[in-house]
Amino acid sequence: MKVGLVLKELHQSETALYYQLLQLSQRHIAEHEVHHVSRDIAQWSREHVAKIADTATSYGEELEPVIADRRASKHASVEHHDAALGQHNPSGLPLLWDLQGMYMTTSGISAQWLMLSQAAQALQKSDLLTLVGDCKPRTQQQMRWANAQIKQLSAQILVS
């Protein structure tokens, strides 16, 4: 059974998303909604990590239940775009790229939750079904928020 490996990957993905959201908040302080909402929804990923770690022990994985409080490291694509446009580019494009990166990350995590959900149903494991039921909807909300921000900001940024 490979459920433990999926839980381990989800743990890593949710941890990475947590730091990505904190970095988004730090990089875009002037965008008040982005700054505040990204900090708030980062806590969902922190909660997911704890729940995943708790469940993973039953599947042979010992995962850290608490995310270390360290500064989020820059996302590779963000560094690439900063280098291409200049560190403090007033164009707004770095914000769109950061939101795109977050959207892509949450899409991947959503797919991981889907895989785990399918395994949970096949195995009839109530602990996994509960975990997926608790966490997948919030991941999808994170993804929808990023999508909504991209929709809202794209025209304003790209045609100005």
C-alpha atoms as a PDB file:
ATOM      1  CA  MET A   1       0.000   0.000   0.000  1.00  0.00           C
ATOM      2  CA  LYS A   2       1.379   3.414  -1.029  1.00  0.00           C
ATOM      3  CA  VAL A   3      -0.934   5.653   0.999  1.00  0.00           C
ATOM      4  CA  GLY A   4       1.907   6.638   3.331  1.00  0.00           C
ATOM      5  CA  LEU A   5       3.894   7.970   0.390  1.00  0.00           C
ATOM      6  CA  VAL A   6       0.962  10.109  -0.771  1.00  0.00           C
ATOM      7  CA  LEU A   7       0.556  11.451   2.764  1.00  0.00           C
ATOM      8  CA  LYS A   8       4.262  12.269   2.882  1.00  0.00           C
ATOM      9  CA  GLU A   9       4.019  14.113  -0.454  1.00  0.00           C
ATOM     10  CA  LEU A  10       0.917  16.008   0.714  1.00  0.00           C
ATOM     11  CA  HIS A  11       2.759  16.972   3.897  1.00  0.00           C
ATOM     12  CA  GLN A  12       5.644  18.372   1.843  1.00  0.00           C
ATOM     13  CA  SER A  13       3.290  20.135  -0.586  1.00  0.00           C
ATOM     14  CA  GLU A  14       1.197  21.754   2.145  1.00  0.00           C
ATOM     15  CA  THR A  15       4.371  22.874   3.929  1.00  0.00           C
ATOM     16  CA  ALA A  16       5.681  24.417   0.705  1.00  0.00           C
ATOM     17  CA  LEU A  17       2.343  26.144   0.108  1.00  0.00           C
ATOM     18  CA  TYR A  18       2.421  27.568   3.635  1.00  0.00           C
ATOM     19  CA  TYR A  19       5.800  29.190   2.978  1.00  0.00           C
ATOM     20  CA  GLN A  20       4.722  30.286  -0.508  1.00  0.00           C
ATOM     21  CA  LEU A  21       1.693  32.071   0.941  1.00  0.00           C
ATOM     22  CA  LEU A  22       3.793  33.795   3.605  1.00  0.00           C
ATOM     23  CA  GLN A  23       6.218  34.907   0.890  1.00  0.00           C
ATOM     24  CA  LEU A  24       3.304  36.204  -1.194  1.00  0.00           C
ATOM     25  CA  SER A  25       2.139  38.214   1.802  1.00  0.00           C
ATOM     26  CA  GLN A  26       5.611  39.603   2.463  1.00  0.00           C
ATOM     27  CA  ARG A  27       6.295  40.524  -1.154  1.00  0.00           C
ATOM     28  CA  HIS A  28       2.999  42.320  -1.731  1.00  0.00           C
ATOM     29  CA  ILE A  29       2.322  44.289   1.445  1.00  0.00           C
ATOM     30  CA  ALA A  30       0.914  47.209  -0.571  1.00  0.00           C
ATOM     31  CA  GLU A  31      -1.839  44.951  -1.956  1.00  0.00           C
ATOM     32  CA  HIS A  32      -3.855  44.819   1.254  1.00  0.00           C
ATOM     33  CA  GLU A  33      -6.196  41.975   0.310  1.00  0.00           C
ATOM     34  CA  VAL A  34      -3.357  39.832  -1.009  1.00  0.00           C
ATOM     35  CA  HIS A  35      -1.240  40.599   2.036  1.00  0.00           C
ATOM     36  CA  HIS A  36      -3.885  39.784   4.630  1.00  0.00           C
ATOM     37  CA  VAL A  37      -5.767  36.952   2.944  1.00  0.00           C
ATOM     38  CA  SER A  38      -2.614  35.059   1.984  1.00  0.00           C
ATOM     39  CA  ARG A  39      -1.487  35.154   5.633  1.00  0.00           C
ATOM     40  CA  ASP A  40      -4.888  33.924   6.782  1.00  0.00           C
ATOM     41  CA  ILE A  41      -5.150  31.054   4.321  1.00  0.00           C
ATOM     42  CA  ALA A  42      -1.542  30.028   4.988  1.00  0.00           C
ATOM     43  CA  GLN A  43      -2.803  28.923   8.400  1.00  0.00           C
ATOM     44  CA  TRP A  44      -5.079  26.411   6.683  1.00  0.00           C
ATOM     45  CA  SER A  45      -2.017  24.711   5.217  1.00  0.00           C
ATOM     46  CA  ARG A  46      -0.404  24.732   8.642  1.00  0.00           C
ATOM     47  CA  GLU A  47      -3.485  22.965  10.035  1.00  0.00           C
ATOM     48  CA  HIS A  48      -3.432  20.487   7.137  1.00  0.00           C
ATOM     49  CA  VAL A  49       0.177  19.585   7.923  1.00  0.00           C
ATOM     50  CA  ALA A  50      -0.737  18.752  11.523  1.00  0.00           C
ATOM     51  CA  LYS A  51      -3.704  16.613  10.445  1.00  0.00           C
ATOM     52  CA  ILE A  52      -1.674  14.810   7.803  1.00  0.00           C
ATOM     53  CA  ALA A  53       1.098  14.056  10.307  1.00  0.00           C
ATOM     54  CA  ASP A  54      -1.442  12.688  12.768  1.00  0.00           C
ATOM     55  CA  THR A  55      -3.002  10.385  10.172  1.00  0.00           C
ATOM     56  CA  ALA A  56       0.299   9.333   8.570  1.00  0.00           C
ATOM     57  CA  THR A  57       1.489   7.412  11.625  1.00  0.00           C
ATOM     58  CA  SER A  58      -1.132   4.741  10.859  1.00  0.00           C
ATOM     59  CA  TYR A  59       0.424   4.368   7.399  1.00  0.00           C
ATOM     60  CA  GLY A  60       4.071   4.023   8.420  1.00  0.00           C
ATOM     61  CA  GLU A  61       5.155   7.645   8.089  1.00  0.00           C
ATOM     62  CA  GLU A  62       6.517   9.783  10.916  1.00  0.00           C
ATOM     63  CA  LEU A  63       5.957  13.360   9.814  1.00  0.00           C
ATOM     64  CA  GLU A  64       6.546  16.596  11.684  1.00  0.00           C
ATOM     65  CA  PRO A  65       3.159  17.950  12.858  1.00  0.00           C
ATOM     66  CA  VAL A  66       4.345  21.550  13.238  1.00  0.00           C
ATOM     67  CA  ILE A  67       5.786  23.755  10.514  1.00  0.00           C
ATOM     68  CA  ALA A  68       8.941  25.534  11.625  1.00  0.00           C
ATOM     69  CA  ASP A  69       8.571  29.294  11.942  1.00  0.00           C
ATOM     70  CA  ARG A  70      11.268  30.409   9.554  1.00  0.00           C
ATOM     71  CA  ARG A  71      11.236  33.009   6.828  1.00  0.00           C
ATOM     72  CA  ALA A  72       9.768  31.691   3.631  1.00  0.00           C
ATOM     73  CA  SER A  73      12.371  31.182   0.966  1.00  0.00           C
ATOM     74  CA  LYS A  74      11.743  32.708  -2.417  1.00  0.00           C
ATOM     75  CA  HIS A  75       9.988  30.555  -4.924  1.00  0.00           C
ATOM     76  CA  ALA A  76      12.240  29.757  -7.913  1.00  0.00           C
ATOM     77  CA  SER A  77       9.826  31.155 -10.493  1.00  0.00           C
ATOM     78  CA  VAL A  78       9.532  34.384  -8.524  1.00  0.00           C
ATOM     79  CA  GLU A  79      13.310  34.783  -8.544  1.00  0.00           C
ATOM     80  CA  HIS A  80      13.330  34.171 -12.291  1.00  0.00           C
ATOM     81  CA  HIS A  81      10.695  36.834 -12.933  1.00  0.00           C
ATOM     82  CA  ASP A  82      12.390  39.307 -10.581  1.00  0.00           C
ATOM     83  CA  ALA A  83      15.649  38.862 -12.455  1.00  0.00           C
ATOM     84  CA  ALA A  84      13.900  39.335 -15.779  1.00  0.00           C
ATOM     85  CA  LEU A  85      12.002  42.463 -14.789  1.00  0.00           C
ATOM     86  CA  GLY A  86      14.067  44.020 -12.066  1.00  0.00           C
ATOM     87  CA  GLN A  87      13.694  43.541  -8.331  1.00  0.00           C
ATOM     88  CA  HIS A  88      11.163  46.323  -7.676  1.00  0.00           C
ATOM     89  CA  ASN A  89       9.242  46.405 -10.909  1.00  0.00           C
ATOM     90  CA  PRO A  90       6.184  48.666 -10.634  1.00  0.00           C
ATOM     91  CA  SER A  91       4.402  46.856 -13.468  1.00  0.00           C
ATOM     92  CA  GLY A  92       2.485  44.493 -11.201  1.00  0.00           C
ATOM     93  CA  LEU A  93       3.644  41.471 -13.187  1.00  0.00           C
ATOM     94  CA  PRO A  94       5.499  39.911 -10.234  1.00  0.00           C
ATOM     95  CA  LEU A  95       2.194  39.864  -8.325  1.00  0.00           C
ATOM     96  CA  LEU A  96       0.446  38.077 -11.182  1.00  0.00           C
ATOM     97  CA  TRP A  97       3.261  35.552 -11.445  1.00  0.00           C
ATOM     98  CA  ASP A  98       3.195  34.932  -7.708  1.00  0.00           C
ATOM     99  CA  LEU A  99      -0.557  34.377  -7.851  1.00  0.00           C
ATOM    100  CA  GLN A 100      -0.110  32.084 -10.846  1.00  0.00           C
ATOM    101  CA  GLY A 101       2.465  30.071  -8.909  1.00  0.00           C
ATOM    102  CA  MET A 102       0.130  29.796  -5.956  1.00  0.00           C
ATOM    103  CA  TYR A 103      -2.706  28.705  -8.242  1.00  0.00           C
ATOM    104  CA  MET A 104      -0.509  26.028  -9.781  1.00  0.00           C
ATOM    105  CA  THR A 105       0.659  24.808  -6.384  1.00  0.00           C
ATOM    106  CA  THR A 106      -2.878  24.556  -5.032  1.00  0.00           C
ATOM    107  CA  SER A 107      -4.014  22.782  -8.211  1.00  0.00           C
ATOM    108  CA  GLY A 108      -1.343  20.153  -7.663  1.00  0.00           C
ATOM    109  CA  ILE A 109      -2.277  19.737  -4.019  1.00  0.00           C
ATOM    110  CA  SER A 110      -5.928  19.417  -4.975  1.00  0.00           C
ATOM    111  CA  ALA A 111      -4.975  16.564  -7.318  1.00  0.00           C
ATOM    112  CA  GLN A 112      -3.058  14.906  -4.466  1.00  0.00           C
ATOM    113  CA  TRP A 113      -6.149  15.149  -2.258  1.00  0.00           C
ATOM    114  CA  LEU A 114      -8.175  13.599  -5.088  1.00  0.00           C
ATOM    115  CA  MET A 115      -5.762  10.651  -5.318  1.00  0.00           C
ATOM    116  CA  LEU A 116      -5.925  10.138  -1.571  1.00  0.00           C
ATOM    117  CA  SER A 117      -9.716  10.364  -1.654  1.00  0.00           C
ATOM    118  CA  GLN A 118      -9.913   7.648  -4.285  1.00  0.00           C
ATOM    119  CA  ALA A 119      -7.609   5.395  -2.259  1.00  0.00           C
ATOM    120  CA  ALA A 120      -9.609   6.074   0.913  1.00  0.00           C
ATOM    121  CA  GLN A 121     -12.823   5.070  -0.814  1.00  0.00           C
ATOM    122  CA  ALA A 122     -11.270   1.936  -2.307  1.00  0.00           C
ATOM    123  CA  LEU A 123      -9.817   0.928   1.062  1.00  0.00           C
ATOM    124  CA  GLN A 124     -12.882   2.106   2.995  1.00  0.00           C
ATOM    125  CA  LYS A 125     -10.650   3.965   5.452  1.00  0.00           C
ATOM    126  CA  SER A 126     -12.681   6.413   7.494  1.00  0.00           C
ATOM    127  CA  ASP A 127      -9.584   8.188   8.871  1.00  0.00           C
ATOM    128  CA  LEU A 128      -8.445   9.052   5.343  1.00  0.00           C
ATOM    129  CA  LEU A 129     -11.944  10.062   4.265  1.00  0.00           C
ATOM    130  CA  THR A 130     -12.169  12.381   7.265  1.00  0.00           C
ATOM    131  CA  LEU A 131      -8.759  13.869   6.502  1.00  0.00           C
ATOM    132  CA  VAL A 132      -9.680  14.509   2.873  1.00  0.00           C
ATOM    133  CA  GLY A 133     -13.061  15.920   3.889  1.00  0.00           C
ATOM    134  CA  ASP A 134     -11.394  18.320   6.322  1.00  0.00           C
ATOM    135  CA  CYS A 135      -8.581  19.514   4.081  1.00  0.00           C
ATOM    136  CA  LYS A 136      -9.477  19.253   0.392  1.00  0.00           C
ATOM    137  CA  PRO A 137     -12.246  21.908   0.507  1.00  0.00           C
ATOM    138  CA  ARG A 138      -9.880  24.455   2.010  1.00  0.00           C
ATOM    139  CA  THR A 139      -7.245  23.704  -0.615  1.00  0.00           C
ATOM    140  CA  GLN A 140      -9.874  24.273  -3.268  1.00  0.00           C
ATOM    141  CA  GLN A 141     -10.803  27.579  -1.593  1.00  0.00           C
ATOM    142  CA  GLN A 142      -7.142  28.622  -1.698  1.00  0.00           C
ATOM    143  CA  MET A 143      -7.071  27.766  -5.401  1.00  0.00           C
ATOM    144  CA  ARG A 144     -10.300  29.662  -6.109  1.00  0.00           C
ATOM    145  CA  TRP A 145      -8.990  32.712  -4.242  1.00  0.00           C
ATOM    146  CA  ALA A 146      -5.813  32.773  -6.352  1.00  0.00           C
ATOM    147  CA  ASN A 147      -7.895  32.372  -9.505  1.00  0.00           C
ATOM    148  CA  ALA A 148     -10.214  35.216  -8.464  1.00  0.00           C
ATOM    149  CA  GLN A 149      -7.245  37.494  -7.743  1.00  0.00           C
ATOM    150  CA  ILE A 150      -5.747  36.730 -11.148  1.00  0.00           C
ATOM    151  CA  LYS A 151      -9.071  37.534 -12.818  1.00  0.00           C
ATOM    152  CA  GLN A 152      -9.490  40.728 -10.850  1.00  0.00           C
ATOM    153  CA  LEU A 153      -5.961  42.062 -11.317  1.00  0.00           C
ATOM    154  CA  SER A 154      -4.987  40.870 -14.811  1.00  0.00           C
ATOM    155  CA  ALA A 155      -6.792  43.469 -16.875  1.00  0.00           C
ATOM    156  CA  GLN A 156      -5.737  46.297 -14.578  1.00  0.00           C
ATOM    157  CA  ILE A 157      -2.076  45.239 -14.595  1.00  0.00           C
ATOM    158  CA  LEU A 158      -1.694  44.030 -18.164  1.00  0.00           C
ATOM    159  CA  VAL A 159      -3.370  46.932 -19.980  1.00  0.00           C
ATOM    160  CA  SER A 160      -1.913  49.745 -17.915  1.00  0.00           C
END
